[in-house]
Each structure stands twice: as C-alpha cells, then as structure tokens.
Protein backbone atom coordinates (compact mmCIF):
# COMPACT_ATOMS: atom_id res chain seq x y z
CA UNK A 1 44.58 -8.74 2.15
CA UNK A 2 41.28 -7.66 3.67
CA UNK A 3 39.34 -10.11 1.52
CA UNK A 4 41.51 -13.05 2.46
CA UNK A 5 41.38 -12.39 6.21
CA UNK A 6 39.66 -15.32 7.92
CA UNK A 7 39.35 -13.59 11.30
CA UNK A 8 36.61 -11.21 10.13
CA UNK A 9 33.13 -11.97 8.90
CA UNK A 10 31.81 -10.80 5.54
CA UNK A 11 30.02 -7.72 6.91
CA UNK A 12 33.16 -6.42 8.62
CA UNK A 13 35.16 -6.99 5.43
CA UNK A 14 32.55 -5.15 3.36
CA UNK A 15 32.54 -2.24 5.77
CA UNK A 16 36.31 -1.88 5.50
CA UNK A 17 36.22 -2.25 1.71
CA UNK A 18 33.33 0.14 1.13
CA UNK A 19 35.44 3.40 0.95
CA UNK A 20 37.90 1.70 -1.36
CA UNK A 21 35.11 0.47 -3.61
CA UNK A 22 33.61 3.96 -3.70
CA UNK A 23 36.95 5.45 -4.72
CA UNK A 24 37.38 2.80 -7.42
CA UNK A 25 33.86 3.49 -8.72
CA UNK A 26 34.57 7.24 -8.81
CA UNK A 27 37.88 6.68 -10.66
CA UNK A 28 36.19 4.37 -13.20
CA UNK A 29 33.50 7.00 -13.77
CA UNK A 30 36.13 9.69 -14.31
CA UNK A 31 38.06 7.44 -16.70
CA UNK A 32 34.91 6.75 -18.73
CA UNK A 33 34.11 10.46 -18.84
CA UNK A 34 37.63 11.35 -20.03
CA UNK A 35 37.50 8.59 -22.63
CA UNK A 36 34.21 9.96 -23.97
CA UNK A 37 35.65 13.51 -24.12
CA UNK A 38 38.82 12.26 -25.85
CA UNK A 39 36.75 10.23 -28.31
CA UNK A 40 34.56 13.22 -29.14
CA UNK A 41 37.57 15.42 -29.88
CA UNK A 42 39.28 12.97 -32.25
CA UNK A 43 38.07 13.50 -35.85
CA UNK A 44 36.28 10.52 -37.30
CA UNK A 45 38.81 10.01 -40.13
CA UNK A 46 41.65 9.52 -37.62
CA UNK A 47 39.72 6.57 -36.18
CA UNK A 48 39.57 4.78 -39.53
CA UNK A 49 42.16 2.23 -40.57
CA UNK A 50 44.84 4.00 -42.62
CA UNK A 51 44.71 1.46 -45.44
CA UNK A 52 40.95 1.62 -45.97
CA UNK A 53 39.65 2.93 -49.28
CA UNK A 54 37.31 5.43 -47.60
CA UNK A 55 40.17 6.91 -45.54
CA UNK A 56 42.37 7.34 -48.61
CA UNK A 57 39.55 8.90 -50.62
CA UNK A 58 38.54 11.25 -47.80
CA UNK A 59 42.13 12.37 -47.20
CA UNK A 60 42.64 13.04 -50.94
CA UNK A 61 39.47 15.15 -51.01
CA UNK A 62 40.49 16.98 -47.84
CA UNK A 63 43.96 17.63 -49.25
CA UNK A 64 42.54 18.98 -52.53
CA UNK A 65 40.06 21.19 -50.63
CA UNK A 66 42.83 22.59 -48.42
CA UNK A 67 44.98 23.37 -51.45
CA UNK A 68 42.03 25.03 -53.17
CA UNK A 69 41.30 27.19 -50.11
CA UNK A 70 44.96 28.19 -49.78
CA UNK A 71 45.17 29.09 -53.49
CA UNK A 72 41.96 31.15 -53.23
CA UNK A 73 43.26 33.00 -50.17
CA UNK A 74 46.58 33.70 -51.90
CA UNK A 75 44.82 34.95 -55.02
CA UNK A 76 42.65 37.29 -52.97
CA UNK A 77 45.69 38.59 -51.15
CA UNK A 78 47.53 39.15 -54.45
CA UNK A 79 44.48 40.93 -55.91
CA UNK A 80 44.33 43.32 -52.94
CA UNK A 81 48.07 43.98 -53.21
CA UNK A 82 47.80 44.75 -56.92
CA UNK A 83 44.91 47.14 -56.28
CA UNK A 84 46.98 48.99 -53.70
CA UNK A 85 49.89 49.17 -56.13
CA UNK A 86 47.59 50.43 -58.88
CA UNK A 87 46.20 53.15 -56.60
CA UNK A 88 49.69 54.32 -55.69
CA UNK A 89 50.81 54.38 -59.33
CA UNK A 90 47.75 56.41 -60.36
CA UNK A 91 48.44 59.10 -57.73
C-alpha cells in the first residue's frame, strides 16, 4: 500500500518502509541462523536419499554395530552377575 501510493515521493516512501525492511532483514537473519542450527543437528545419514546404496550400507553397518554393543553390554552384565552369585555360593 505504501509502495503504490502516488501522493508521496520515493524518499518519503523509503522512510516509512525503513523500519519494516529492518524487521524483515532481522527475521530473515534469524531464520537463516535457525536453519543452520537445525542442519547441524541432523545427522548426515538422515539427509541422504533413503533408497541410495550408501544409506542402506551405512544403516546396515550402524545396525550391526548397535547390536554388537548391546550384546557386549549384556555379556558384561551377565558376567558381573555370575561373579556375584559365585561369591555368595562360596561363602
């Protein structure tokens, strides 16, 4: 509406639009900053296409690694439990 007004000259229009432009510039800056933060927090494999060979290979390796870590943790927990049982039986 301000831009299409024919009663005011360009300088007067610019003066009225200046605070609005500043707010828009600030909002764009904030949006860019939030987009960069969001992008940095998303793991790289979630950005890959789900049907790509690299994504499938990476997810298979990640799945196997997670299972291996869980099995190792469970084995360590079972070992500690058996040692405690052994100590109680010996006393």
